[in-house]
C-alpha atoms as a PDB file:
ATOM      1  CA  MET A   1     -86.313-233.484 -45.221  1.00  0.00           C
ATOM      2  CA  VAL A   2     -85.462-231.747 -41.754  1.00  0.00           C
ATOM      3  CA  ALA A   3     -87.078-228.663 -40.389  1.00  0.00           C
ATOM      4  CA  GLY A   4     -86.274-228.126 -36.950  1.00  0.00           C
ATOM      5  CA  GLU A   5     -87.968-225.027 -35.913  1.00  0.00           C
ATOM      6  CA  ALA A   6     -91.449-223.850 -36.217  1.00  0.00           C
ATOM      7  CA  SER A   7     -91.058-221.508 -38.847  1.00  0.00           C
ATOM      8  CA  GLY A   8     -88.978-224.291 -40.972  1.00  0.00           C
ATOM      9  CA  ASP A   9     -91.939-226.220 -40.237  1.00  0.00           C
ATOM     10  CA  LEU A  10     -94.439-223.732 -41.991  1.00  0.00           C
ATOM     11  CA  LEU A  11     -92.220-223.282 -45.148  1.00  0.00           C
ATOM     12  CA  GLY A  12     -91.207-227.232 -45.145  1.00  0.00           C
ATOM     13  CA  GLY A  13     -95.211-227.805 -44.957  1.00  0.00           C
ATOM     14  CA  ALA A  14     -95.946-225.754 -47.572  1.00  0.00           C
ATOM     15  CA  LEU A  15     -93.151-226.965 -49.651  1.00  0.00           C
ATOM     16  CA  VAL A  16     -94.393-230.778 -49.375  1.00  0.00           C
ATOM     17  CA  LYS A  17     -97.618-229.666 -50.753  1.00  0.00           C
ATOM     18  CA  ALA A  18     -96.041-228.007 -54.026  1.00  0.00           C
ATOM     19  CA  LEU A  19     -93.922-230.878 -54.417  1.00  0.00           C
ATOM     20  CA  LYS A  20     -96.707-233.270 -53.969  1.00  0.00           C
ATOM     21  CA  ARG A  21     -98.992-231.295 -56.594  1.00  0.00           C
ATOM     22  CA  GLY A  22     -96.281-232.914 -59.278  1.00  0.00           C
ATOM     23  CA  CYS A  23     -97.044-235.807 -61.871  1.00  0.00           C
ATOM     24  CA  ARG A  24     -95.760-238.482 -60.077  1.00  0.00           C
ATOM     25  CA  PRO A  25     -96.064-240.170 -56.375  1.00  0.00           C
ATOM     26  CA  ARG A  26     -93.488-238.720 -53.745  1.00  0.00           C
ATOM     27  CA  SER A  27     -92.889-240.015 -50.050  1.00  0.00           C
ATOM     28  CA  PHE A  28     -91.142-237.440 -47.619  1.00  0.00           C
ATOM     29  CA  PHE A  29     -89.461-238.903 -44.638  1.00  0.00           C
ATOM     30  CA  GLY A  30     -87.449-236.768 -41.809  1.00  0.00           C
ATOM     31  CA  ILE A  31     -87.686-234.498 -39.154  1.00  0.00           C
ATOM     32  CA  GLY A  32     -90.696-231.945 -39.071  1.00  0.00           C
ATOM     33  CA  GLY A  33     -93.648-230.482 -37.126  1.00  0.00           C
ATOM     34  CA  PRO A  34     -97.615-230.624 -37.401  1.00  0.00           C
ATOM     35  CA  ARG A  35     -97.662-228.615 -40.694  1.00  0.00           C
ATOM     36  CA  MET A  36     -95.017-230.938 -42.528  1.00  0.00           C
ATOM     37  CA  GLN A  37     -96.799-234.109 -41.336  1.00  0.00           C
ATOM     38  CA  ALA A  38    -100.381-232.565 -42.004  1.00  0.00           C
ATOM     39  CA  ALA A  39     -98.973-232.216 -45.562  1.00  0.00           C
ATOM     40  CA  GLY A  40     -97.858-235.755 -45.946  1.00  0.00           C
ATOM     41  CA  SER A  41     -94.349-235.995 -44.552  1.00  0.00           C
ATOM     42  CA  ASN A  42     -93.520-238.994 -42.508  1.00  0.00           C
ATOM     43  CA  PRO A  43     -91.578-238.005 -39.393  1.00  0.00           C
ATOM     44  CA  GLY A  44     -88.478-240.045 -39.028  1.00  0.00           C
ATOM     45  CA  ILE A  45     -87.762-238.802 -35.551  1.00  0.00           C
ATOM     46  CA  ARG A  46     -90.232-238.221 -33.185  1.00  0.00           C
ATOM     47  CA  ARG A  47     -90.899-234.738 -33.173  1.00  0.00           C
ATOM     48  CA  ARG A  48     -91.220-234.846 -28.841  1.00  0.00           C
ATOM     49  CA  ARG A  49     -87.508-236.109 -29.055  1.00  0.00           C
ATOM     50  CA  TRP A  50     -86.515-233.548 -31.436  1.00  0.00           C
ATOM     51  CA  ARG A  51     -88.240-230.753 -29.137  1.00  0.00           C
ATOM     52  CA  CYS A  52     -86.688-232.151 -26.052  1.00  0.00           C
ATOM     53  CA  ALA A  53     -83.355-232.344 -27.638  1.00  0.00           C
ATOM     54  CA  ALA A  54     -83.447-228.642 -29.023  1.00  0.00           C
ATOM     55  CA  MET A  55     -84.587-227.613 -25.826  1.00  0.00           C
ATOM     56  CA  SER A  56     -81.755-228.664 -23.937  1.00  0.00           C
ATOM     57  CA  ARG A  57     -79.656-227.338 -26.426  1.00  0.00           C
ATOM     58  CA  SER A  58     -80.012-223.894 -24.572  1.00  0.00           C
ATOM     59  CA  CYS A  59     -78.633-225.820 -21.367  1.00  0.00           C
ATOM     60  CA  GLY A  60     -75.761-226.952 -23.126  1.00  0.00           C
ATOM     61  CA  SER A  61     -76.601-230.822 -23.861  1.00  0.00           C
ATOM     62  CA  CYS A  62     -75.727-230.597 -27.471  1.00  0.00           C
ATOM     63  CA  PRO A  63     -74.900-234.406 -27.630  1.00  0.00           C
ATOM     64  CA  SER A  64     -78.845-235.498 -27.691  1.00  0.00           C
ATOM     65  CA  ILE A  65     -78.720-233.224 -30.799  1.00  0.00           C
ATOM     66  CA  LEU A  66     -75.791-234.684 -32.425  1.00  0.00           C
ATOM     67  CA  ARG A  67     -77.195-238.183 -31.850  1.00  0.00           C
ATOM     68  CA  ILE A  68     -80.471-237.451 -33.564  1.00  0.00           C
ATOM     69  CA  ARG A  69     -78.446-235.898 -36.406  1.00  0.00           C
ATOM     70  CA  SER A  70     -76.135-239.363 -36.414  1.00  0.00           C
ATOM     71  CA  GLU A  71     -79.232-241.521 -36.098  1.00  0.00           C
ATOM     72  CA  LEU A  72     -80.656-239.670 -39.049  1.00  0.00           C
ATOM     73  CA  ARG A  73     -77.437-239.551 -41.458  1.00  0.00           C
ATOM     74  CA  ARG A  74     -77.205-243.330 -40.990  1.00  0.00           C
ATOM     75  CA  ARG A  75     -80.542-243.961 -41.913  1.00  0.00           C
ATOM     76  CA  LEU A  76     -80.236-241.704 -45.033  1.00  0.00           C
ATOM     77  CA  LEU A  77     -77.295-243.327 -45.780  1.00  0.00           C
ATOM     78  CA  ALA A  78     -78.661-246.957 -45.320  1.00  0.00           C
ATOM     79  CA  ASP A  79     -81.635-246.200 -47.626  1.00  0.00           C
ATOM     80  CA  PRO A  80     -80.492-243.256 -49.937  1.00  0.00           C
ATOM     81  CA  PRO A  81     -83.375-240.592 -51.152  1.00  0.00           C
ATOM     82  CA  ASP A  82     -83.719-239.092 -54.488  1.00  0.00           C
ATOM     83  CA  LEU A  83     -83.494-235.897 -52.675  1.00  0.00           C
ATOM     84  CA  PHE A  84     -82.408-234.228 -49.344  1.00  0.00           C
ATOM     85  CA  ILE A  85     -83.811-230.802 -48.250  1.00  0.00           C
ATOM     86  CA  GLY A  86     -82.751-229.064 -45.055  1.00  0.00           C
ATOM     87  CA  VAL A  87     -85.010-226.245 -44.219  1.00  0.00           C
ATOM     88  CA  ASP A  88     -83.327-223.737 -42.536  1.00  0.00           C
ATOM     89  CA  ALA A  89     -81.464-224.730 -39.027  1.00  0.00           C
ATOM     90  CA  PRO A  90     -78.078-224.336 -40.945  1.00  0.00           C
ATOM     91  CA  ASP A  91     -76.157-225.323 -37.716  1.00  0.00           C
ATOM     92  CA  PHE A  92     -77.743-228.889 -37.823  1.00  0.00           C
ATOM     93  CA  ASN A  93     -78.468-229.371 -41.577  1.00  0.00           C
ATOM     94  CA  LEU A  94     -75.254-228.095 -43.336  1.00  0.00           C
ATOM     95  CA  GLY A  95     -73.159-230.878 -41.559  1.00  0.00           C
ATOM     96  CA  LEU A  96     -75.942-233.609 -42.585  1.00  0.00           C
ATOM     97  CA  GLU A  97     -76.157-232.058 -46.159  1.00  0.00           C
ATOM     98  CA  GLU A  98     -72.137-232.453 -46.302  1.00  0.00           C
ATOM     99  CA  ALA A  99     -72.375-235.959 -45.518  1.00  0.00           C
ATOM    100  CA  LEU A 100     -74.885-236.734 -47.682  1.00  0.00           C
ATOM    101  CA  LYS A 101     -73.614-234.996 -50.771  1.00  0.00           C
ATOM    102  CA  ALA A 102     -70.345-236.448 -50.395  1.00  0.00           C
ATOM    103  CA  ARG A 103     -72.197-239.925 -50.918  1.00  0.00           C
ATOM    104  CA  GLY A 104     -73.763-238.770 -54.275  1.00  0.00           C
ATOM    105  CA  ILE A 105     -77.211-237.526 -52.823  1.00  0.00           C
ATOM    106  CA  THR A 106     -78.625-234.539 -54.236  1.00  0.00           C
ATOM    107  CA  THR A 107     -79.080-231.781 -51.720  1.00  0.00           C
ATOM    108  CA  VAL A 108     -80.987-228.701 -51.487  1.00  0.00           C
ATOM    109  CA  HIS A 109     -80.595-226.295 -48.738  1.00  0.00           C
ATOM    110  CA  TYR A 110     -84.262-224.405 -48.273  1.00  0.00           C
ATOM    111  CA  VAL A 111     -83.759-220.725 -46.574  1.00  0.00           C
ATOM    112  CA  SER A 112     -80.044-219.209 -47.105  1.00  0.00           C
ATOM    113  CA  PRO A 113     -78.455-218.718 -43.617  1.00  0.00           C
ATOM    114  CA  SER A 114     -78.221-214.991 -43.487  1.00  0.00           C
ATOM    115  CA  LEU A 115     -74.254-214.928 -44.325  1.00  0.00           C
ATOM    116  CA  TRP A 116     -74.745-211.741 -45.907  1.00  0.00           C
ATOM    117  CA  ALA A 117     -75.153-210.349 -42.185  1.00  0.00           C
ATOM    118  CA  TRP A 118     -72.974-212.612 -40.117  1.00  0.00           C
ATOM    119  CA  ARG A 119     -70.776-215.552 -40.466  1.00  0.00           C
ATOM    120  CA  GLY A 120     -70.164-215.069 -44.098  1.00  0.00           C
ATOM    121  CA  GLU A 121     -67.435-217.753 -44.253  1.00  0.00           C
ATOM    122  CA  ARG A 122     -70.381-220.352 -44.137  1.00  0.00           C
ATOM    123  CA  ILE A 123     -70.495-219.739 -47.749  1.00  0.00           C
ATOM    124  CA  HIS A 124     -67.682-222.323 -48.315  1.00  0.00           C
ATOM    125  CA  GLN A 125     -69.788-224.543 -46.430  1.00  0.00           C
ATOM    126  CA  MET A 126     -72.702-224.174 -48.104  1.00  0.00           C
ATOM    127  CA  LYS A 127     -70.809-225.015 -51.309  1.00  0.00           C
ATOM    128  CA  ARG A 128     -69.761-228.387 -49.808  1.00  0.00           C
ATOM    129  CA  ALA A 129     -73.047-229.105 -48.583  1.00  0.00           C
ATOM    130  CA  ALA A 130     -75.880-227.974 -51.042  1.00  0.00           C
ATOM    131  CA  ALA A 131     -76.429-228.579 -54.687  1.00  0.00           C
ATOM    132  CA  LYS A 132     -79.018-225.961 -54.762  1.00  0.00           C
ATOM    133  CA  VAL A 133     -79.989-222.848 -52.447  1.00  0.00           C
ATOM    134  CA  LEU A 134     -83.516-221.877 -52.348  1.00  0.00           C
ATOM    135  CA  CYS A 135     -83.479-218.373 -51.057  1.00  0.00           C
ATOM    136  CA  LEU A 136     -86.344-216.079 -49.571  1.00  0.00           C
ATOM    137  CA  PHE A 137     -84.736-212.798 -49.867  1.00  0.00           C
ATOM    138  CA  PRO A 138     -84.347-211.572 -53.697  1.00  0.00           C
ATOM    139  CA  PHE A 139     -80.406-210.051 -53.109  1.00  0.00           C
ATOM    140  CA  GLU A 140     -79.248-213.728 -51.911  1.00  0.00           C
ATOM    141  CA  PRO A 141     -79.277-215.894 -55.253  1.00  0.00           C
ATOM    142  CA  GLU A 142     -76.433-213.455 -56.653  1.00  0.00           C
ATOM    143  CA  ILE A 143     -74.229-214.141 -53.599  1.00  0.00           C
ATOM    144  CA  TYR A 144     -74.266-217.554 -53.910  1.00  0.00           C
ATOM    145  CA  ALA A 145     -73.906-216.758 -57.970  1.00  0.00           C
ATOM    146  CA  LYS A 146     -70.575-215.133 -57.244  1.00  0.00           C
ATOM    147  CA  ALA A 147     -69.528-218.155 -55.191  1.00  0.00           C
ATOM    148  CA  GLY A 148     -70.620-220.751 -58.093  1.00  0.00           C
ATOM    149  CA  ILE A 149     -73.318-222.348 -55.927  1.00  0.00           C
ATOM    150  CA  PRO A 150     -76.751-222.471 -57.878  1.00  0.00           C
ATOM    151  CA  ALA A 151     -79.548-220.653 -56.043  1.00  0.00           C
ATOM    152  CA  SER A 152     -83.047-219.399 -57.181  1.00  0.00           C
ATOM    153  CA  LEU A 153     -85.552-217.215 -55.232  1.00  0.00           C
ATOM    154  CA  ARG A 154     -88.413-219.463 -53.598  1.00  0.00           C
ATOM    155  CA  GLY A 155     -90.146-216.147 -52.021  1.00  0.00           C
ATOM    156  CA  PRO A 156     -90.921-214.028 -50.977  1.00  0.00           C
ATOM    157  CA  SER A 157     -94.229-215.595 -51.796  1.00  0.00           C
ATOM    158  CA  ALA A 158     -93.094-219.043 -50.023  1.00  0.00           C
ATOM    159  CA  GLY A 159     -92.179-216.917 -47.076  1.00  0.00           C
ATOM    160  CA  GLY A 160     -95.086-214.583 -47.480  1.00  0.00           C
ATOM    161  CA  HIS A 161     -97.870-217.552 -47.316  1.00  0.00           C
ATOM    162  CA  ALA A 162     -96.171-219.223 -44.360  1.00  0.00           C
ATOM    163  CA  ALA A 163     -95.944-215.778 -42.569  1.00  0.00           C
ATOM    164  CA  ARG A 164     -99.723-215.140 -43.206  1.00  0.00           C
ATOM    165  CA  ARG A 165    -100.437-218.706 -42.068  1.00  0.00           C
ATOM    166  CA  ALA A 166     -98.668-217.641 -39.022  1.00  0.00           C
ATOM    167  CA  GLY A 167    -100.804-214.779 -38.230  1.00  0.00           C
ATOM    168  CA  SER A 168     -99.348-211.950 -40.110  1.00  0.00           C
ATOM    169  CA  ARG A 169    -103.033-210.731 -40.838  1.00  0.00           C
ATOM    170  CA  GLY A 170    -102.384-210.746 -44.396  1.00  0.00           C
ATOM    171  CA  ARG A 171     -99.029-208.793 -44.589  1.00  0.00           C
ATOM    172  CA  ALA A 172     -96.506-210.719 -46.274  1.00  0.00           C
ATOM    173  CA  ARG A 173     -93.014-210.993 -44.211  1.00  0.00           C
ATOM    174  CA  ALA A 174     -90.148-213.754 -44.270  1.00  0.00           C
ATOM    175  CA  VAL A 175     -88.550-214.355 -41.184  1.00  0.00           C
ATOM    176  CA  PRO A 176     -85.168-216.292 -41.223  1.00  0.00           C
ATOM    177  CA  SER A 177     -85.881-218.992 -38.591  1.00  0.00           C
ATOM    178  CA  ALA A 178     -82.212-219.039 -37.570  1.00  0.00           C
ATOM    179  CA  ARG A 179     -83.241-216.637 -34.868  1.00  0.00           C
ATOM    180  CA  ARG A 180     -85.520-216.945 -31.859  1.00  0.00           C
ATOM    181  CA  ALA A 181     -89.310-215.879 -33.098  1.00  0.00           C
ATOM    182  CA  ALA A 182     -90.704-213.286 -30.772  1.00  0.00           C
ATOM    183  CA  ALA A 183     -94.101-214.695 -29.641  1.00  0.00           C
END
């Protein structure tokens, strides 16, 4: 599981907790923040290293993020998981998901990129990358159905829960984390 942003960590942490309530033991490995770790996900990449790479991205030093993705891809292909879940961060996760799916690993993308608003051509990459898309907005599954991609709504309750934990004072809202969050 990979959640590269704070909002993805909120959603990913809630998802880890929900999946752990299942009937058989589950383990989680990847990139996540404090909420995913508190829920029981083991970080495969040190969060500090990810944060430094993410910060350097704005300075034009994308190679560090590409190295992290490449390292994670090697680890996942060497010891394939039963399932890979990319939580938002489509610029990082979709390429990784494509490589894993091509090798027969089931991939799920949690939080649809807002291709209904911009970069709609990503629907083709989504089809190559994700076996299933978990959406936050009620109109998104239909977009994927038209493209032949299995999708289901996992919000706004999931997104609302995360937003409440992030301090929305009880008002449920889902905010796509591919955008910079306003503090």
